[in-house]
């Protein structure tokens, strides 16, 4: 609530009795109370929004993690495929070399 230590001082005067300004005092206190309620509601709404955004970010980070795992798996498959292709190409080239040299590559031979 508000700080009333340095605020206006109300007292009886010749033209105004304290009872005459009592409605103004009560209205001021009610206004301060209403402002506190609004402030609390704004804080609650802000906290809800912050929580919602935090949950969205967490879900997004989970999805990104899953996608990263899929990409890593795909990269591993591609690397394995490239290595297998390299080995097949090497074996074909080696077979062609041995065939050109007249080496025995029939089933059961050491170079088969």
PDB file of N, CA and C in Angstrom:
ATOM      1  N   UNK A   1       0.835  -1.185   0.000  1.00  0.00           N
ATOM      2  CA  UNK A   1       0.000   0.000   0.000  1.00  0.00           C
ATOM      3  C   UNK A   1       0.874   1.240   0.000  1.00  0.00           C
ATOM      4  N   UNK A   2       0.219   2.369  -0.053  1.00  0.00           N
ATOM      5  CA  UNK A   2       0.938   3.630  -0.128  1.00  0.00           C
ATOM      6  C   UNK A   2       1.599   3.996   1.181  1.00  0.00           C
ATOM      7  N   UNK A   3       2.553   4.898   1.092  1.00  0.00           N
ATOM      8  CA  UNK A   3       3.266   5.395   2.260  1.00  0.00           C
ATOM      9  C   UNK A   3       2.653   6.739   2.622  1.00  0.00           C
ATOM     10  N   UNK A   4       2.130   6.819   3.834  1.00  0.00           N
ATOM     11  CA  UNK A   4       1.413   8.028   4.236  1.00  0.00           C
ATOM     12  C   UNK A   4       2.224   8.905   5.194  1.00  0.00           C
ATOM     13  N   UNK A   5       3.498   8.625   5.361  1.00  0.00           N
ATOM     14  CA  UNK A   5       4.275   9.383   6.339  1.00  0.00           C
ATOM     15  C   UNK A   5       4.478  10.834   5.934  1.00  0.00           C
ATOM     16  N   UNK A   6       4.595  11.106   4.639  1.00  0.00           N
ATOM     17  CA  UNK A   6       4.839  12.480   4.203  1.00  0.00           C
ATOM     18  C   UNK A   6       3.659  13.059   3.435  1.00  0.00           C
ATOM     19  N   UNK A   7       2.517  12.462   3.567  1.00  0.00           N
ATOM     20  CA  UNK A   7       1.345  12.911   2.834  1.00  0.00           C
ATOM     21  C   UNK A   7       0.660  14.088   3.509  1.00  0.00           C
ATOM     22  N   UNK A   8      -0.473  14.491   2.968  1.00  0.00           N
ATOM     23  CA  UNK A   8      -1.194  15.631   3.555  1.00  0.00           C
ATOM     24  C   UNK A   8      -1.706  15.283   4.956  1.00  0.00           C
ATOM     25  N   UNK A   9      -1.846  16.299   5.771  1.00  0.00           N
ATOM     26  CA  UNK A   9      -2.367  16.112   7.128  1.00  0.00           C
ATOM     27  C   UNK A   9      -3.778  16.695   7.163  1.00  0.00           C
ATOM     28  N   UNK A  10      -4.627  15.892   7.692  1.00  0.00           N
ATOM     29  CA  UNK A  10      -6.026  16.319   7.761  1.00  0.00           C
ATOM     30  C   UNK A  10      -6.364  16.649   9.212  1.00  0.00           C
ATOM     31  N   UNK A  11      -7.006  17.839   9.381  1.00  0.00           N
ATOM     32  CA  UNK A  11      -7.436  18.250  10.726  1.00  0.00           C
ATOM     33  C   UNK A  11      -8.601  19.223  10.593  1.00  0.00           C
ATOM     34  N   UNK A  12      -9.255  19.417  11.638  1.00  0.00           N
ATOM     35  CA  UNK A  12     -10.369  20.373  11.633  1.00  0.00           C
ATOM     36  C   UNK A  12      -9.842  21.779  11.394  1.00  0.00           C
ATOM     37  N   UNK A  13     -10.591  22.526  10.585  1.00  0.00           N
ATOM     38  CA  UNK A  13     -10.258  23.936  10.337  1.00  0.00           C
ATOM     39  C   UNK A  13     -11.532  24.748  10.517  1.00  0.00           C
ATOM     40  N   UNK A  14     -11.391  26.018  10.391  1.00  0.00           N
ATOM     41  CA  UNK A  14     -12.563  26.868  10.604  1.00  0.00           C
ATOM     42  C   UNK A  14     -13.649  26.591   9.580  1.00  0.00           C
ATOM     43  N   UNK A  15     -13.279  26.502   8.301  1.00  0.00           N
ATOM     44  CA  UNK A  15     -14.283  26.330   7.250  1.00  0.00           C
ATOM     45  C   UNK A  15     -14.617  24.878   6.954  1.00  0.00           C
ATOM     46  N   UNK A  16     -13.724  23.974   7.341  1.00  0.00           N
ATOM     47  CA  UNK A  16     -13.923  22.552   7.016  1.00  0.00           C
ATOM     48  C   UNK A  16     -13.779  21.718   8.282  1.00  0.00           C
ATOM     49  N   UNK A  17     -14.754  20.893   8.457  1.00  0.00           N
ATOM     50  CA  UNK A  17     -14.673  19.938   9.558  1.00  0.00           C
ATOM     51  C   UNK A  17     -14.100  18.631   9.012  1.00  0.00           C
ATOM     52  N   UNK A  18     -13.421  17.895   9.823  1.00  0.00           N
ATOM     53  CA  UNK A  18     -12.811  16.634   9.428  1.00  0.00           C
ATOM     54  C   UNK A  18     -13.866  15.668   8.902  1.00  0.00           C
ATOM     55  N   UNK A  19     -15.060  15.738   9.470  1.00  0.00           N
ATOM     56  CA  UNK A  19     -16.129  14.854   9.016  1.00  0.00           C
ATOM     57  C   UNK A  19     -16.515  15.141   7.562  1.00  0.00           C
ATOM     58  N   UNK A  20     -16.277  16.338   7.086  1.00  0.00           N
ATOM     59  CA  UNK A  20     -16.633  16.725   5.726  1.00  0.00           C
ATOM     60  C   UNK A  20     -15.708  16.118   4.665  1.00  0.00           C
ATOM     61  N   UNK A  21     -14.470  15.868   5.044  1.00  0.00           N
ATOM     62  CA  UNK A  21     -13.536  15.287   4.060  1.00  0.00           C
ATOM     63  C   UNK A  21     -13.355  13.786   4.251  1.00  0.00           C
ATOM     64  N   UNK A  22     -14.100  13.194   5.166  1.00  0.00           N
ATOM     65  CA  UNK A  22     -14.005  11.761   5.398  1.00  0.00           C
ATOM     66  C   UNK A  22     -14.304  10.943   4.142  1.00  0.00           C
ATOM     67  N   UNK A  23     -15.305  11.304   3.330  1.00  0.00           N
ATOM     68  CA  UNK A  23     -15.537  10.537   2.093  1.00  0.00           C
ATOM     69  C   UNK A  23     -14.325  10.569   1.147  1.00  0.00           C
ATOM     70  N   UNK A  24     -13.624  11.693   1.091  1.00  0.00           N
ATOM     71  CA  UNK A  24     -12.435  11.780   0.248  1.00  0.00           C
ATOM     72  C   UNK A  24     -11.339  10.841   0.768  1.00  0.00           C
ATOM     73  N   UNK A  25     -11.185  10.763   2.080  1.00  0.00           N
ATOM     74  CA  UNK A  25     -10.182   9.870   2.672  1.00  0.00           C
ATOM     75  C   UNK A  25     -10.514   8.408   2.361  1.00  0.00           C
ATOM     76  N   UNK A  26     -11.765   8.054   2.543  1.00  0.00           N
ATOM     77  CA  UNK A  26     -12.184   6.677   2.283  1.00  0.00           C
ATOM     78  C   UNK A  26     -12.017   6.354   0.803  1.00  0.00           C
ATOM     79  N   UNK A  27     -12.390   7.290  -0.075  1.00  0.00           N
ATOM     80  CA  UNK A  27     -12.241   7.069  -1.516  1.00  0.00           C
ATOM     81  C   UNK A  27     -10.772   6.879  -1.871  1.00  0.00           C
ATOM     82  N   UNK A  28      -9.880   7.642  -1.265  1.00  0.00           N
ATOM     83  CA  UNK A  28      -8.450   7.494  -1.515  1.00  0.00           C
ATOM     84  C   UNK A  28      -7.939   6.128  -1.095  1.00  0.00           C
ATOM     85  N   UNK A  29      -8.386   5.664   0.069  1.00  0.00           N
ATOM     86  CA  UNK A  29      -7.968   4.340   0.547  1.00  0.00           C
ATOM     87  C   UNK A  29      -8.515   3.251  -0.372  1.00  0.00           C
ATOM     88  N   UNK A  30      -9.760   3.400  -0.812  1.00  0.00           N
ATOM     89  CA  UNK A  30     -10.352   2.415  -1.729  1.00  0.00           C
ATOM     90  C   UNK A  30      -9.607   2.404  -3.064  1.00  0.00           C
ATOM     91  N   UNK A  31      -9.225   3.603  -3.531  1.00  0.00           N
ATOM     92  CA  UNK A  31      -8.481   3.696  -4.783  1.00  0.00           C
ATOM     93  C   UNK A  31      -7.134   2.974  -4.653  1.00  0.00           C
ATOM     94  N   UNK A  32      -6.450   3.165  -3.539  1.00  0.00           N
ATOM     95  CA  UNK A  32      -5.182   2.469  -3.310  1.00  0.00           C
ATOM     96  C   UNK A  32      -5.398   0.953  -3.258  1.00  0.00           C
ATOM     97  N   UNK A  33      -6.461   0.537  -2.627  1.00  0.00           N
ATOM     98  CA  UNK A  33      -6.762  -0.893  -2.563  1.00  0.00           C
ATOM     99  C   UNK A  33      -7.028  -1.473  -3.936  1.00  0.00           C
ATOM    100  N   UNK A  34      -7.781  -0.737  -4.739  1.00  0.00           N
ATOM    101  CA  UNK A  34      -8.076  -1.193  -6.102  1.00  0.00           C
ATOM    102  C   UNK A  34      -6.798  -1.277  -6.923  1.00  0.00           C
ATOM    103  N   UNK A  35      -5.902  -0.304  -6.774  1.00  0.00           N
ATOM    104  CA  UNK A  35      -4.626  -0.340  -7.487  1.00  0.00           C
ATOM    105  C   UNK A  35      -3.802  -1.552  -7.073  1.00  0.00           C
ATOM    106  N   UNK A  36      -3.839  -1.906  -5.805  1.00  0.00           N
ATOM    107  CA  UNK A  36      -3.115  -3.097  -5.331  1.00  0.00           C
ATOM    108  C   UNK A  36      -3.693  -4.367  -5.946  1.00  0.00           C
ATOM    109  N   UNK A  37      -5.028  -4.423  -6.065  1.00  0.00           N
ATOM    110  CA  UNK A  37      -5.665  -5.587  -6.686  1.00  0.00           C
ATOM    111  C   UNK A  37      -5.247  -5.685  -8.145  1.00  0.00           C
ATOM    112  N   UNK A  38      -5.254  -4.560  -8.850  1.00  0.00           N
ATOM    113  CA  UNK A  38      -4.836  -4.553 -10.255  1.00  0.00           C
ATOM    114  C   UNK A  38      -3.375  -4.959 -10.397  1.00  0.00           C
ATOM    115  N   UNK A  39      -2.558  -4.447  -9.498  1.00  0.00           N
ATOM    116  CA  UNK A  39      -1.131  -4.782  -9.534  1.00  0.00           C
ATOM    117  C   UNK A  39      -0.924  -6.285  -9.307  1.00  0.00           C
ATOM    118  N   UNK A  40      -1.642  -6.851  -8.370  1.00  0.00           N
ATOM    119  CA  UNK A  40      -1.534  -8.292  -8.105  1.00  0.00           C
ATOM    120  C   UNK A  40      -2.015  -9.098  -9.312  1.00  0.00           C
ATOM    121  N   UNK A  41      -3.087  -8.640  -9.955  1.00  0.00           N
ATOM    122  CA  UNK A  41      -3.601  -9.341 -11.137  1.00  0.00           C
ATOM    123  C   UNK A  41      -2.607  -9.266 -12.291  1.00  0.00           C
ATOM    124  N   UNK A  42      -1.985  -8.096 -12.479  1.00  0.00           N
ATOM    125  CA  UNK A  42      -0.967  -7.971 -13.521  1.00  0.00           C
ATOM    126  C   UNK A  42       0.215  -8.900 -13.243  1.00  0.00           C
ATOM    127  N   UNK A  43       0.611  -8.995 -11.992  1.00  0.00           N
ATOM    128  CA  UNK A  43       1.725  -9.877 -11.621  1.00  0.00           C
ATOM    129  C   UNK A  43       1.354 -11.341 -11.880  1.00  0.00           C
ATOM    130  N   UNK A  44       0.124 -11.719 -11.574  1.00  0.00           N
ATOM    131  CA  UNK A  44      -0.329 -13.093 -11.804  1.00  0.00           C
ATOM    132  C   UNK A  44      -0.338 -13.402 -13.297  1.00  0.00           C
ATOM    133  N   UNK A  45      -0.871 -12.481 -14.101  1.00  0.00           N
ATOM    134  CA  UNK A  45      -0.912 -12.683 -15.549  1.00  0.00           C
ATOM    135  C   UNK A  45       0.497 -12.749 -16.137  1.00  0.00           C
ATOM    136  N   UNK A  46       1.382 -11.900 -15.656  1.00  0.00           N
ATOM    137  CA  UNK A  46       2.766 -11.920 -16.128  1.00  0.00           C
ATOM    138  C   UNK A  46       3.419 -13.260 -15.806  1.00  0.00           C
ATOM    139  N   UNK A  47       3.192 -13.765 -14.589  1.00  0.00           N
ATOM    140  CA  UNK A  47       3.777 -15.044 -14.186  1.00  0.00           C
ATOM    141  C   UNK A  47       3.216 -16.188 -15.030  1.00  0.00           C
ATOM    142  N   UNK A  48       1.914 -16.168 -15.313  1.00  0.00           N
ATOM    143  CA  UNK A  48       1.318 -17.194 -16.172  1.00  0.00           C
ATOM    144  C   UNK A  48       1.936 -17.164 -17.565  1.00  0.00           C
ATOM    145  N   UNK A  49       2.110 -15.968 -18.106  1.00  0.00           N
ATOM    146  CA  UNK A  49       2.712 -15.819 -19.438  1.00  0.00           C
ATOM    147  C   UNK A  49       4.157 -16.308 -19.441  1.00  0.00           C
ATOM    148  N   UNK A  50       4.898 -15.972 -18.385  1.00  0.00           N
ATOM    149  CA  UNK A  50       6.277 -16.417 -18.268  1.00  0.00           C
ATOM    150  C   UNK A  50       6.338 -17.936 -18.197  1.00  0.00           C
ATOM    151  N   UNK A  51       5.442 -18.525 -17.434  1.00  0.00           N
ATOM    152  CA  UNK A  51       5.400 -19.985 -17.304  1.00  0.00           C
ATOM    153  C   UNK A  51       5.051 -20.636 -18.640  1.00  0.00           C
ATOM    154  N   UNK A  52       4.093 -20.061 -19.356  1.00  0.00           N
ATOM    155  CA  UNK A  52       3.689 -20.599 -20.658  1.00  0.00           C
ATOM    156  C   UNK A  52       4.848 -20.556 -21.644  1.00  0.00           C
ATOM    157  N   UNK A  53       5.544 -19.434 -21.689  1.00  0.00           N
ATOM    158  CA  UNK A  53       6.687 -19.300 -22.588  1.00  0.00           C
ATOM    159  C   UNK A  53       7.797 -20.277 -22.208  1.00  0.00           C
ATOM    160  N   UNK A  54       8.007 -20.465 -20.915  1.00  0.00           N
ATOM    161  CA  UNK A  54       9.020 -21.399 -20.451  1.00  0.00           C
ATOM    162  C   UNK A  54       8.686 -22.817 -20.899  1.00  0.00           C
ATOM    163  N   UNK A  55       7.420 -23.203 -20.780  1.00  0.00           N
ATOM    164  CA  UNK A  55       7.003 -24.532 -21.228  1.00  0.00           C
ATOM    165  C   UNK A  55       7.168 -24.678 -22.733  1.00  0.00           C
ATOM    166  N   UNK A  56       6.820 -23.636 -23.490  1.00  0.00           N
ATOM    167  CA  UNK A  56       6.985 -23.679 -24.945  1.00  0.00           C
ATOM    168  C   UNK A  56       8.456 -23.869 -25.319  1.00  0.00           C
ATOM    169  N   UNK A  57       9.331 -23.139 -24.645  1.00  0.00           N
ATOM    170  CA  UNK A  57      10.762 -23.263 -24.919  1.00  0.00           C
ATOM    171  C   UNK A  57      11.268 -24.662 -24.578  1.00  0.00           C
ATOM    172  N   UNK A  58      10.787 -25.230 -23.481  1.00  0.00           N
ATOM    173  CA  UNK A  58      11.198 -26.576 -23.103  1.00  0.00           C
ATOM    174  C   UNK A  58      10.759 -27.590 -24.156  1.00  0.00           C
ATOM    175  N   UNK A  59       9.490 -27.476 -24.601  1.00  0.00           N
ATOM    176  CA  UNK A  59       8.989 -28.386 -25.632  1.00  0.00           C
ATOM    177  C   UNK A  59       9.793 -28.228 -26.924  1.00  0.00           C
ATOM    178  N   UNK A  60      10.080 -26.989 -27.282  1.00  0.00           N
ATOM    179  CA  UNK A  60      10.855 -26.732 -28.492  1.00  0.00           C
ATOM    180  C   UNK A  60      12.258 -27.328 -28.376  1.00  0.00           C
ATOM    181  N   UNK A  61      12.870 -27.199 -27.210  1.00  0.00           N
ATOM    182  CA  UNK A  61      14.208 -27.770 -27.037  1.00  0.00           C
ATOM    183  C   UNK A  61      14.158 -29.291 -27.136  1.00  0.00           C
ATOM    184  N   UNK A  62      13.085 -29.906 -26.654  1.00  0.00           N
ATOM    185  CA  UNK A  62      12.928 -31.354 -26.778  1.00  0.00           C
ATOM    186  C   UNK A  62      12.807 -31.754 -28.242  1.00  0.00           C
ATOM    187  N   UNK A  63      12.001 -31.010 -29.003  1.00  0.00           N
ATOM    188  CA  UNK A  63      11.843 -31.297 -30.435  1.00  0.00           C
ATOM    189  C   UNK A  63      13.160 -31.120 -31.183  1.00  0.00           C
ATOM    190  N   UNK A  64      13.897 -30.079 -30.846  1.00  0.00           N
ATOM    191  CA  UNK A  64      15.188 -29.838 -31.491  1.00  0.00           C
ATOM    192  C   UNK A  64      16.140 -30.989 -31.178  1.00  0.00           C
ATOM    193  N   UNK A  65      16.128 -31.464 -29.936  1.00  0.00           N
ATOM    194  CA  UNK A  65      16.971 -32.597 -29.567  1.00  0.00           C
ATOM    195  C   UNK A  65      16.634 -33.837 -30.377  1.00  0.00           C
ATOM    196  N   UNK A  66      15.347 -34.098 -30.572  1.00  0.00           N
ATOM    197  CA  UNK A  66      14.935 -35.260 -31.373  1.00  0.00           C
ATOM    198  C   UNK A  66      15.385 -35.106 -32.821  1.00  0.00           C
ATOM    199  N   UNK A  67      15.215 -33.905 -33.376  1.00  0.00           N
ATOM    200  CA  UNK A  67      15.634 -33.658 -34.759  1.00  0.00           C
ATOM    201  C   UNK A  67      17.148 -33.786 -34.904  1.00  0.00           C
ATOM    202  N   UNK A  68      17.889 -33.303 -33.904  1.00  0.00           N
ATOM    203  CA  UNK A  68      19.350 -33.445 -33.942  1.00  0.00           C
ATOM    204  C   UNK A  68      19.757 -34.917 -33.947  1.00  0.00           C
ATOM    205  N   UNK A  69      19.062 -35.733 -33.157  1.00  0.00           N
ATOM    206  CA  UNK A  69      19.370 -37.170 -33.125  1.00  0.00           C
ATOM    207  C   UNK A  69      19.089 -37.798 -34.488  1.00  0.00           C
ATOM    208  N   UNK A  70      18.002 -37.393 -35.135  1.00  0.00           N
ATOM    209  CA  UNK A  70      17.681 -37.926 -36.463  1.00  0.00           C
ATOM    210  C   UNK A  70      18.750 -37.525 -37.478  1.00  0.00           C
ATOM    211  N   UNK A  71      19.191 -36.276 -37.420  1.00  0.00           N
ATOM    212  CA  UNK A  71      20.226 -35.792 -38.339  1.00  0.00           C
ATOM    213  C   UNK A  71      21.523 -36.560 -38.115  1.00  0.00           C
ATOM    214  N   UNK A  72      21.877 -36.784 -36.851  1.00  0.00           N
ATOM    215  CA  UNK A  72      23.101 -37.528 -36.537  1.00  0.00           C
ATOM    216  C   UNK A  72      23.013 -38.949 -37.084  1.00  0.00           C
ATOM    217  N   UNK A  73      21.864 -39.582 -36.927  1.00  0.00           N
ATOM    218  CA  UNK A  73      21.673 -40.941 -37.443  1.00  0.00           C
ATOM    219  C   UNK A  73      21.786 -40.955 -38.967  1.00  0.00           C
ATOM    220  N   UNK A  74      21.190 -39.954 -39.611  1.00  0.00           N
ATOM    221  CA  UNK A  74      21.271 -39.860 -41.066  1.00  0.00           C
ATOM    222  C   UNK A  74      22.715 -39.662 -41.522  1.00  0.00           C
ATOM    223  N   UNK A  75      23.454 -38.816 -40.819  1.00  0.00           N
ATOM    224  CA  UNK A  75      24.859 -38.595 -41.158  1.00  0.00           C
ATOM    225  C   UNK A  75      25.672 -39.882 -40.999  1.00  0.00           C
ATOM    226  N   UNK A  76      25.368 -40.661 -39.963  1.00  0.00           N
ATOM    227  CA  UNK A  76      26.060 -41.942 -39.772  1.00  0.00           C
ATOM    228  C   UNK A  76      25.741 -42.907 -40.918  1.00  0.00           C
ATOM    229  N   UNK A  77      24.473 -42.955 -41.325  1.00  0.00           N
ATOM    230  CA  UNK A  77      24.093 -43.808 -42.455  1.00  0.00           C
ATOM    231  C   UNK A  77      24.833 -43.391 -43.723  1.00  0.00           C
ATOM    232  N   UNK A  78      24.880 -42.076 -43.966  1.00  0.00           N
ATOM    233  CA  UNK A  78      25.547 -41.574 -45.167  1.00  0.00           C
ATOM    234  C   UNK A  78      27.044 -41.912 -45.135  1.00  0.00           C
ATOM    235  N   UNK A  79      27.663 -41.770 -43.964  1.00  0.00           N
ATOM    236  CA  UNK A  79      29.085 -42.093 -43.841  1.00  0.00           C
ATOM    237  C   UNK A  79      29.309 -43.586 -44.074  1.00  0.00           C
ATOM    238  N   UNK A  80      28.435 -44.425 -43.519  1.00  0.00           N
ATOM    239  CA  UNK A  80      28.557 -45.879 -43.723  1.00  0.00           C
ATOM    240  C   UNK A  80      28.364 -46.235 -45.190  1.00  0.00           C
ATOM    241  N   UNK A  81      27.386 -45.588 -45.823  1.00  0.00           N
ATOM    242  CA  UNK A  81      27.126 -45.851 -47.237  1.00  0.00           C
ATOM    243  C   UNK A  81      28.345 -45.469 -48.082  1.00  0.00           C
ATOM    244  N   UNK A  82      28.928 -44.296 -47.792  1.00  0.00           N
ATOM    245  CA  UNK A  82      30.107 -43.836 -48.543  1.00  0.00           C
ATOM    246  C   UNK A  82      31.285 -44.784 -48.332  1.00  0.00           C
ATOM    247  N   UNK A  83      31.477 -45.264 -47.104  1.00  0.00           N
ATOM    248  CA  UNK A  83      32.570 -46.191 -46.821  1.00  0.00           C
ATOM    249  C   UNK A  83      32.337 -47.516 -47.553  1.00  0.00           C
ATOM    250  N   UNK A  84      31.093 -48.007 -47.542  1.00  0.00           N
ATOM    251  CA  UNK A  84      30.787 -49.260 -48.241  1.00  0.00           C
ATOM    252  C   UNK A  84      31.024 -49.099 -49.741  1.00  0.00           C
ATOM    253  N   UNK A  85      30.636 -47.950 -50.311  1.00  0.00           N
ATOM    254  CA  UNK A  85      30.855 -47.694 -51.743  1.00  0.00           C
ATOM    255  C   UNK A  85      32.347 -47.671 -52.052  1.00  0.00           C
ATOM    256  N   UNK A  86      33.107 -47.063 -51.156  1.00  0.00           N
ATOM    257  CA  UNK A  86      34.563 -47.007 -51.333  1.00  0.00           C
ATOM    258  C   UNK A  86      35.158 -48.420 -51.326  1.00  0.00           C
ATOM    259  N   UNK A  87      34.707 -49.240 -50.408  1.00  0.00           N
ATOM    260  CA  UNK A  87      35.208 -50.620 -50.330  1.00  0.00           C
ATOM    261  C   UNK A  87      34.826 -51.392 -51.593  1.00  0.00           C
ATOM    262  N   UNK A  88      33.568 -51.249 -52.058  1.00  0.00           N
ATOM    263  CA  UNK A  88      33.146 -51.945 -53.286  1.00  0.00           C
ATOM    264  C   UNK A  88      33.986 -51.505 -54.482  1.00  0.00           C
ATOM    265  N   UNK A  89      34.218 -50.186 -54.598  1.00  0.00           N
ATOM    266  CA  UNK A  89      35.041 -49.666 -55.697  1.00  0.00           C
ATOM    267  C   UNK A  89      36.468 -50.222 -55.620  1.00  0.00           C
ATOM    268  N   UNK A  90      37.003 -50.280 -54.401  1.00  0.00           N
ATOM    269  CA  UNK A  90      38.349 -50.814 -54.217  1.00  0.00           C
ATOM    270  C   UNK A  90      38.415 -52.287 -54.629  1.00  0.00           C
ATOM    271  N   UNK A  91      37.421 -53.078 -54.203  1.00  0.00           N
ATOM    272  CA  UNK A  91      37.411 -54.503 -54.543  1.00  0.00           C
ATOM    273  C   UNK A  91      37.303 -54.685 -56.055  1.00  0.00           C
ATOM    274  N   UNK A  92      36.456 -53.924 -56.718  1.00  0.00           N
ATOM    275  CA  UNK A  92      36.329 -54.013 -58.178  1.00  0.00           C
ATOM    276  C   UNK A  92      37.652 -53.673 -58.867  1.00  0.00           C
ATOM    277  N   UNK A  93      38.290 -52.599 -58.400  1.00  0.00           N
ATOM    278  CA  UNK A  93      39.573 -52.195 -58.989  1.00  0.00           C
ATOM    279  C   UNK A  93      40.637 -53.270 -58.755  1.00  0.00           C
ATOM    280  N   UNK A  94      40.654 -53.837 -57.562  1.00  0.00           N
ATOM    281  CA  UNK A  94      41.615 -54.888 -57.255  1.00  0.00           C
ATOM    282  C   UNK A  94      41.353 -56.130 -58.105  1.00  0.00           C
ATOM    283  N   UNK A  95      40.087 -56.499 -58.271  1.00  0.00           N
ATOM    284  CA  UNK A  95      39.744 -57.640 -59.127  1.00  0.00           C
ATOM    285  C   UNK A  95      40.169 -57.385 -60.568  1.00  0.00           C
ATOM    286  N   UNK A  96      39.935 -56.156 -61.047  1.00  0.00           N
ATOM    287  CA  UNK A  96      40.334 -55.807 -62.412  1.00  0.00           C
ATOM    288  C   UNK A  96      41.858 -55.880 -62.565  1.00  0.00           C
ATOM    289  N   UNK A  97      42.603 -55.412 -61.567  1.00  0.00           N
ATOM    290  CA  UNK A  97      44.061 -55.465 -61.597  1.00  0.00           C
ATOM    291  C   UNK A  97      44.539 -56.918 -61.651  1.00  0.00           C
ATOM    292  N   UNK A  98      43.983 -57.734 -60.764  1.00  0.00           N
ATOM    293  CA  UNK A  98      44.397 -59.140 -60.732  1.00  0.00           C
ATOM    294  C   UNK A  98      44.008 -59.851 -62.029  1.00  0.00           C
ATOM    295  N   UNK A  99      42.838 -59.509 -62.566  1.00  0.00           N
ATOM    296  CA  UNK A  99      42.413 -60.137 -63.828  1.00  0.00           C
ATOM    297  C   UNK A  99      43.353 -59.733 -64.959  1.00  0.00           C
ATOM    298  N   UNK A 100      43.809 -58.477 -64.959  1.00  0.00           N
ATOM    299  CA  UNK A 100      44.726 -58.021 -66.012  1.00  0.00           C
ATOM    300  C   UNK A 100      46.103 -58.667 -65.864  1.00  0.00           C
ATOM    301  N   UNK A 101      46.459 -59.064 -64.646  1.00  0.00           N
ATOM    302  CA  UNK A 101      47.736 -59.729 -64.399  1.00  0.00           C
ATOM    303  C   UNK A 101      47.626 -61.241 -64.606  1.00  0.00           C
ATOM    304  N   UNK A 102      46.421 -61.715 -64.834  1.00  0.00           N
ATOM    305  CA  UNK A 102      46.200 -63.131 -65.061  1.00  0.00           C
ATOM    306  C   UNK A 102      46.151 -63.955 -63.793  1.00  0.00           C
ATOM    307  N   UNK A 103      45.935 -63.309 -62.638  1.00  0.00           N
ATOM    308  CA  UNK A 103      45.870 -64.037 -61.368  1.00  0.00           C
ATOM    309  C   UNK A 103      44.582 -64.836 -61.282  1.00  0.00           C
ATOM    310  N   UNK A 104      44.640 -65.933 -60.553  1.00  0.00           N
ATOM    311  CA  UNK A 104      43.473 -66.797 -60.379  1.00  0.00           C
ATOM    312  C   UNK A 104      42.532 -66.186 -59.328  1.00  0.00           C
ATOM    313  N   UNK A 105      41.333 -65.771 -59.752  1.00  0.00           N
ATOM    314  CA  UNK A 105      40.336 -65.203 -58.837  1.00  0.00           C
ATOM    315  C   UNK A 105      39.101 -66.077 -58.762  1.00  0.00           C
ATOM    316  N   UNK A 106      39.232 -67.336 -59.137  1.00  0.00           N
ATOM    317  CA  UNK A 106      38.097 -68.241 -59.086  1.00  0.00           C
ATOM    318  C   UNK A 106      37.768 -68.596 -57.647  1.00  0.00           C
ATOM    319  N   UNK A 107      36.548 -69.124 -57.441  1.00  0.00           N
ATOM    320  CA  UNK A 107      36.081 -69.494 -56.112  1.00  0.00           C
ATOM    321  C   UNK A 107      37.037 -70.506 -55.487  1.00  0.00           C
ATOM    322  N   UNK A 108      37.429 -70.264 -54.274  1.00  0.00           N
ATOM    323  CA  UNK A 108      38.321 -71.163 -53.563  1.00  0.00           C
ATOM    324  C   UNK A 108      39.773 -70.776 -53.656  1.00  0.00           C
ATOM    325  N   UNK A 109      40.150 -69.865 -54.572  1.00  0.00           N
ATOM    326  CA  UNK A 109      41.550 -69.438 -54.672  1.00  0.00           C
ATOM    327  C   UNK A 109      41.837 -68.389 -53.578  1.00  0.00           C
ATOM    328  N   UNK A 110      43.120 -68.194 -53.266  1.00  0.00           N
ATOM    329  CA  UNK A 110      43.475 -67.223 -52.200  1.00  0.00           C
ATOM    330  C   UNK A 110      42.986 -65.800 -52.514  1.00  0.00           C
ATOM    331  N   UNK A 111      42.894 -65.434 -53.758  1.00  0.00           N
ATOM    332  CA  UNK A 111      42.496 -64.069 -54.112  1.00  0.00           C
ATOM    333  C   UNK A 111      40.991 -63.942 -54.391  1.00  0.00           C
ATOM    334  N   UNK A 112      40.277 -65.026 -54.221  1.00  0.00           N
ATOM    335  CA  UNK A 112      38.829 -64.979 -54.444  1.00  0.00           C
ATOM    336  C   UNK A 112      38.225 -64.261 -53.287  1.00  0.00           C
TER     337      UNK A 112
END
